[in-house]
C-alpha cells in the first residue's frame, strides 16, 4: 500500500514538472513573438518643394506626407492623401503647424526669410536644402533627403538618372529653344539663363534662345524676334491656358520666328520639365525625343 502511494506521488510530481516546463516554454515563445512585431516609427512630413516631394515618395515615404506645396504634383496620388498648402511663398506657418508635422523639408530657393525664421522657431524638425539644377546636384539632394529620413538605400534612384540620361541622343544641329511660362494670354514670361528649364534644354541637346538676361522676364514681341527660336516650349498647363498650339501662334511676334513659321510648338509636364527630381533623366530624354522629332 505504501509502495502504491509512493508511485502515485512520483507520478504527480513528474506531471507537475512537465506542466511547468510547457507553461515556461509557452511564455518564452509568446514573448519572442511579441518583440518581433514591434511597430516601426513613422513621420508626418510636410514637403515644400516639388522635387523634394518626388524624392520622398520615391524613397518609399509617400504615405508619411501630410502636406505639400502647389508645385508637388507628382505622384498624383498625393492629391487625395496630402493637404495642398498652396504656393510656398504665401503659405502660413499656422497652416503648416495645423497638420502637426514631425518634420518639414524644403529648399532654400523657395522659402521667404520670414517663413524660414518661423520654421526655426516652431520647435519642429525643419531641414532646408540647397538645390542645384544638375544631375550631380539632384543626386546630392536625394542623398541629403535620404539622410534626413534615416533611409540608407537610395542608390537605385541615382542609377535611374544615369540610365535615363543615356537615352538622350545627339542632335546634329542644336535647336534654339524658347521656353514660355504662360498662365493665359495676359500672363506670359520667357526664360533667360540659369533657370531649371534652361538647364534641361541643354541636357536634352538644345540651346536656350535667350541669353542676354537671367531668370524670367515678361514676354515681348521684340524678345521673340531677337531670340528667333527654332522651337517654342511650354508646360502642358501653359499650352492649355493659351488654347493649344493655335493660341501660341497668335502671340505677337511668334509668326516672325522660325518656330512660328514652321509651327514647331511643343509642351511637357511641368514637374518633369523643371523639377530636377528622380525623373530628371526621364525628362531630358523626353525633351530630346521631341527636339529630334521637330528637327526633321
Protein backbone atom coordinates (compact mmCIF):
# COMPACT_ATOMS: atom_id res chain seq x y z
CA UNK A 1 0.00 0.00 0.00
CA UNK A 2 2.81 2.37 0.99
CA UNK A 3 4.59 1.45 -2.27
CA UNK A 4 1.49 2.39 -4.32
CA UNK A 5 1.30 5.77 -2.56
CA UNK A 6 4.93 6.44 -3.44
CA UNK A 7 4.26 5.65 -7.11
CA UNK A 8 1.20 7.94 -7.23
CA UNK A 9 3.14 10.74 -5.56
CA UNK A 10 6.03 10.38 -8.02
CA UNK A 11 3.64 10.48 -10.98
CA UNK A 12 2.05 13.67 -9.65
CA UNK A 13 5.44 15.37 -9.23
CA UNK A 14 6.54 14.39 -12.74
CA UNK A 15 3.24 15.63 -14.21
CA UNK A 16 3.57 18.96 -12.43
CA UNK A 17 7.16 19.34 -13.64
CA UNK A 18 6.16 18.70 -17.26
CA UNK A 19 3.25 21.13 -16.93
CA UNK A 20 5.58 23.84 -15.59
CA UNK A 21 8.02 23.17 -18.41
CA UNK A 22 5.25 23.58 -21.02
CA UNK A 23 3.99 26.78 -19.40
CA UNK A 24 7.52 28.20 -19.27
CA UNK A 25 8.10 27.39 -22.97
CA UNK A 26 4.74 28.92 -23.92
CA UNK A 27 5.63 32.12 -22.07
CA UNK A 28 9.02 32.31 -23.79
CA UNK A 29 7.51 31.74 -27.26
CA UNK A 30 4.87 34.43 -26.70
CA UNK A 31 7.48 36.96 -25.60
CA UNK A 32 9.65 36.37 -28.66
CA UNK A 33 6.69 36.74 -31.00
CA UNK A 34 5.56 39.99 -29.37
CA UNK A 35 9.04 41.52 -29.64
CA UNK A 36 9.32 40.66 -33.35
CA UNK A 37 6.28 42.73 -34.40
CA UNK A 38 7.11 45.96 -32.59
CA UNK A 39 5.68 48.84 -34.69
CA UNK A 40 8.17 51.00 -36.62
CA UNK A 41 8.20 54.76 -36.08
CA UNK A 42 6.72 56.85 -38.91
CA UNK A 43 6.99 60.56 -39.60
CA UNK A 44 4.40 63.18 -40.51
CA UNK A 45 6.12 65.08 -43.30
CA UNK A 46 5.38 68.48 -44.81
CA UNK A 47 7.23 68.96 -48.12
CA UNK A 48 7.53 72.45 -49.60
CA UNK A 49 9.13 71.67 -52.97
CA UNK A 50 8.05 69.51 -55.90
CA UNK A 51 11.38 67.73 -56.36
CA UNK A 52 11.67 67.13 -52.63
CA UNK A 53 8.20 65.58 -52.62
CA UNK A 54 9.07 63.30 -55.55
CA UNK A 55 12.24 62.12 -53.83
CA UNK A 56 10.44 61.44 -50.54
CA UNK A 57 7.85 59.35 -52.39
CA UNK A 58 10.49 57.54 -54.45
CA UNK A 59 12.29 56.60 -51.24
CA UNK A 60 9.10 54.87 -50.07
CA UNK A 61 7.79 57.51 -47.64
CA UNK A 62 4.81 58.78 -49.64
CA UNK A 63 2.26 57.66 -47.05
CA UNK A 64 4.03 59.80 -44.43
CA UNK A 65 3.50 63.04 -46.39
CA UNK A 66 0.68 65.06 -44.83
CA UNK A 67 1.15 68.40 -46.60
CA UNK A 68 2.73 69.76 -49.78
CA UNK A 69 3.17 73.00 -51.74
CA UNK A 70 1.47 73.68 -55.07
CA UNK A 71 4.46 72.51 -57.14
CA UNK A 72 4.17 68.99 -55.69
CA UNK A 73 2.11 67.48 -58.50
CA UNK A 74 3.77 64.05 -58.62
CA UNK A 75 2.86 61.38 -57.61
CA UNK A 76 -0.73 62.26 -58.48
CA UNK A 77 -1.99 60.08 -55.62
CA UNK A 78 -0.90 62.84 -53.21
CA UNK A 79 -3.86 64.92 -54.36
CA UNK A 80 -6.12 62.73 -52.23
CA UNK A 81 -3.78 61.91 -49.35
CA UNK A 82 -1.92 65.16 -48.57
CA UNK A 83 -3.10 68.70 -47.85
CA UNK A 84 -2.30 71.24 -50.60
CA UNK A 85 -0.88 74.25 -48.75
CA UNK A 86 -0.74 76.44 -51.85
CA UNK A 87 2.29 78.39 -53.07
CA UNK A 88 5.23 78.23 -50.69
CA UNK A 89 5.69 82.00 -50.92
CA UNK A 90 2.24 82.57 -49.46
CA UNK A 91 1.78 79.59 -47.13
CA UNK A 92 1.45 80.49 -43.44
CA UNK A 93 3.23 78.85 -40.54
CA UNK A 94 -0.19 78.31 -38.96
CA UNK A 95 -1.35 76.22 -41.92
CA UNK A 96 1.78 74.10 -41.68
CA UNK A 97 1.57 73.58 -37.92
CA UNK A 98 -2.13 72.66 -38.14
CA UNK A 99 -1.00 69.41 -39.79
CA UNK A 100 1.07 68.56 -36.68
CA UNK A 101 4.17 67.59 -38.69
CA UNK A 102 7.17 65.86 -37.15
CA UNK A 103 9.50 67.05 -39.93
CA UNK A 104 9.39 69.86 -42.51
CA UNK A 105 11.53 69.58 -45.67
CA UNK A 106 12.18 72.38 -48.17
CA UNK A 107 14.76 74.04 -50.44
CA UNK A 108 16.45 77.41 -49.93
CA UNK A 109 15.24 78.99 -53.16
CA UNK A 110 11.58 78.52 -52.25
CA UNK A 111 11.35 79.86 -48.72
CA UNK A 112 10.93 83.51 -47.80
CA UNK A 113 13.22 84.70 -44.97
CA UNK A 114 10.14 85.28 -42.81
CA UNK A 115 8.82 81.73 -43.16
CA UNK A 116 12.30 80.27 -42.68
CA UNK A 117 12.66 82.14 -39.41
CA UNK A 118 9.26 80.95 -38.20
CA UNK A 119 10.11 77.35 -39.08
CA UNK A 120 13.28 77.58 -36.99
CA UNK A 121 11.25 78.78 -34.02
CA UNK A 122 8.43 76.25 -34.46
CA UNK A 123 10.09 73.51 -32.41
CA UNK A 124 9.54 71.05 -35.27
CA UNK A 125 12.49 69.46 -37.06
CA UNK A 126 12.96 71.52 -40.25
CA UNK A 127 15.65 70.87 -42.84
CA UNK A 128 16.28 73.23 -45.75
CA UNK A 129 18.46 72.05 -48.64
CA UNK A 130 20.35 73.71 -51.47
CA UNK A 131 19.06 72.52 -54.86
CA UNK A 132 21.50 72.60 -57.77
CA UNK A 133 19.99 72.08 -61.21
CA UNK A 134 22.45 69.48 -62.46
CA UNK A 135 22.47 65.67 -62.43
CA UNK A 136 25.06 65.69 -59.65
CA UNK A 137 23.09 68.29 -57.71
CA UNK A 138 19.97 66.13 -57.97
CA UNK A 139 21.87 63.09 -56.70
CA UNK A 140 23.16 65.14 -53.76
CA UNK A 141 19.62 66.26 -52.91
CA UNK A 142 18.50 62.62 -52.98
CA UNK A 143 21.30 61.69 -50.59
CA UNK A 144 20.58 64.62 -48.26
CA UNK A 145 16.87 63.75 -48.05
CA UNK A 146 17.59 60.08 -47.52
CA UNK A 147 19.83 61.00 -44.59
CA UNK A 148 17.15 63.29 -43.14
CA UNK A 149 14.69 60.38 -43.24
CA UNK A 150 17.21 57.82 -41.93
CA UNK A 151 16.97 56.00 -45.26
CA UNK A 152 20.19 54.22 -46.20
CA UNK A 153 19.34 52.62 -49.56
CA UNK A 154 18.92 55.20 -52.34
CA UNK A 155 21.48 54.17 -54.97
CA UNK A 156 18.74 52.85 -57.27
CA UNK A 157 17.40 56.40 -57.70
CA UNK A 158 20.83 57.68 -58.70
CA UNK A 159 21.34 54.78 -61.09
CA UNK A 160 17.97 55.50 -62.75
CA UNK A 161 19.02 59.08 -63.51
CA UNK A 162 22.22 57.88 -65.19
CA UNK A 163 20.42 55.15 -67.12
CA UNK A 164 17.73 57.55 -68.40
CA UNK A 165 20.30 60.17 -69.44
CA UNK A 166 21.93 57.56 -71.67
CA UNK A 167 18.75 57.64 -73.76
CA UNK A 168 19.50 61.23 -74.82
CA UNK A 169 20.63 61.05 -78.46
CA UNK A 170 22.92 63.51 -80.26
CA UNK A 171 21.28 66.23 -82.36
CA UNK A 172 23.27 67.24 -85.45
CA UNK A 173 22.48 70.94 -85.06
CA UNK A 174 21.36 72.03 -81.61
CA UNK A 175 17.98 73.78 -81.98
CA UNK A 176 17.34 77.14 -80.32
CA UNK A 177 14.55 76.63 -77.80
CA UNK A 178 12.45 79.37 -76.23
CA UNK A 179 10.56 78.44 -73.09
CA UNK A 180 7.42 80.46 -72.36
CA UNK A 181 5.80 80.24 -68.92
CA UNK A 182 2.15 81.02 -69.55
CA UNK A 183 -0.93 81.35 -67.40
CA UNK A 184 -3.25 82.68 -70.04
CA UNK A 185 -2.63 85.30 -72.72
CA UNK A 186 -2.18 88.07 -70.14
CA UNK A 187 0.50 86.29 -68.10
CA UNK A 188 3.50 85.14 -70.13
CA UNK A 189 7.15 85.04 -69.09
CA UNK A 190 10.17 83.98 -71.11
CA UNK A 191 13.12 82.03 -69.68
CA UNK A 192 16.58 83.53 -69.73
CA UNK A 193 19.68 81.81 -68.37
CA UNK A 194 20.04 79.99 -65.05
CA UNK A 195 16.54 78.55 -64.88
CA UNK A 196 15.81 74.84 -64.37
CA UNK A 197 14.21 74.68 -67.82
CA UNK A 198 17.29 76.21 -69.47
CA UNK A 199 19.45 73.57 -67.80
CA UNK A 200 17.19 70.77 -69.03
CA UNK A 201 17.17 72.19 -72.57
CA UNK A 202 20.96 71.85 -72.57
CA UNK A 203 20.85 68.31 -71.17
CA UNK A 204 18.40 67.42 -73.96
CA UNK A 205 20.73 68.68 -76.69
CA UNK A 206 19.26 72.13 -77.36
CA UNK A 207 20.37 75.70 -76.64
CA UNK A 208 18.40 78.44 -74.90
CA UNK A 209 17.17 81.07 -77.37
CA UNK A 210 17.54 83.93 -74.87
CA UNK A 211 20.96 84.55 -73.33
CA UNK A 212 21.05 88.29 -72.55
CA UNK A 213 19.35 88.09 -69.13
CA UNK A 214 18.96 85.68 -66.21
CA UNK A 215 15.82 84.10 -64.77
CA UNK A 216 12.44 85.17 -66.23
CA UNK A 217 11.17 88.37 -67.84
CA UNK A 218 7.82 89.31 -69.38
CA UNK A 219 7.44 88.11 -72.94
CA UNK A 220 7.62 90.82 -75.61
CA UNK A 221 7.46 90.65 -79.43
CA UNK A 222 10.97 92.12 -79.50
CA UNK A 223 12.35 89.31 -77.32
CA UNK A 224 10.67 86.72 -79.53
CA UNK A 225 12.06 88.15 -82.76
CA UNK A 226 15.53 88.69 -81.30
CA UNK A 227 15.69 85.14 -79.92
CA UNK A 228 14.25 83.70 -83.15
CA UNK A 229 13.76 80.21 -81.70
CA UNK A 230 13.54 77.07 -83.80
CA UNK A 231 11.18 75.57 -81.22
CA UNK A 232 8.84 77.10 -78.64
CA UNK A 233 8.45 75.07 -75.44
CA UNK A 234 5.74 75.33 -72.78
CA UNK A 235 4.33 73.39 -69.85
CA UNK A 236 1.27 71.31 -70.75
CA UNK A 237 -0.77 73.56 -68.46
CA UNK A 238 0.61 76.70 -70.12
CA UNK A 239 -0.21 75.45 -73.60
CA UNK A 240 -3.72 74.63 -72.44
CA UNK A 241 -4.17 78.11 -70.94
CA UNK A 242 -3.44 79.62 -74.38
CA UNK A 243 -5.88 77.37 -76.22
CA UNK A 244 -3.32 74.98 -77.70
CA UNK A 245 -0.71 75.48 -80.46
CA UNK A 246 -3.02 77.79 -82.44
CA UNK A 247 -3.16 80.11 -79.45
CA UNK A 248 0.64 80.24 -79.27
CA UNK A 249 0.87 81.09 -82.97
CA UNK A 250 -1.36 84.13 -82.31
CA UNK A 251 1.11 85.64 -79.81
CA UNK A 252 2.51 88.86 -81.37
CA UNK A 253 5.93 88.22 -82.84
CA UNK A 254 5.70 84.42 -82.99
CA UNK A 255 4.91 84.47 -86.70
CA UNK A 256 8.25 86.21 -87.32
CA UNK A 257 10.27 83.37 -85.76
CA UNK A 258 11.44 80.10 -87.28
CA UNK A 259 9.31 78.26 -84.70
CA UNK A 260 6.21 80.18 -85.73
CA UNK A 261 6.80 79.84 -89.45
CA UNK A 262 7.32 76.06 -89.14
CA UNK A 263 4.70 75.60 -86.39
CA UNK A 264 7.21 74.00 -84.02
CA UNK A 265 5.34 74.19 -80.71
CA UNK A 266 5.96 71.51 -78.04
CA UNK A 267 4.88 71.02 -74.44
CA UNK A 268 5.74 68.80 -71.48
CA UNK A 269 4.56 68.12 -67.94
CA UNK A 270 5.80 70.94 -65.72
CA UNK A 271 7.25 68.80 -62.93
CA UNK A 272 9.04 66.56 -65.42
CA UNK A 273 10.48 69.50 -67.32
CA UNK A 274 11.67 71.66 -64.44
CA UNK A 275 11.61 69.56 -61.27
CA UNK A 276 15.15 68.11 -61.26
CA UNK A 277 14.00 65.22 -59.10
CA UNK A 278 14.31 61.44 -59.53
CA UNK A 279 12.80 61.69 -63.04
CA UNK A 280 15.46 64.13 -64.28
CA UNK A 281 16.93 61.71 -66.83
CA UNK A 282 13.45 60.75 -67.98
CA UNK A 283 12.59 64.42 -68.56
CA UNK A 284 15.79 65.09 -70.52
CA UNK A 285 15.21 62.03 -72.70
CA UNK A 286 11.60 63.02 -73.40
CA UNK A 287 12.55 66.58 -74.40
CA UNK A 288 15.40 65.21 -76.51
CA UNK A 289 12.94 62.98 -78.40
CA UNK A 290 10.63 65.95 -79.03
CA UNK A 291 13.50 68.08 -80.31
CA UNK A 292 14.69 65.31 -82.61
CA UNK A 293 11.17 64.88 -83.97
CA UNK A 294 10.84 68.61 -84.64
CA UNK A 295 14.30 68.80 -86.26
CA UNK A 296 13.00 66.73 -89.20
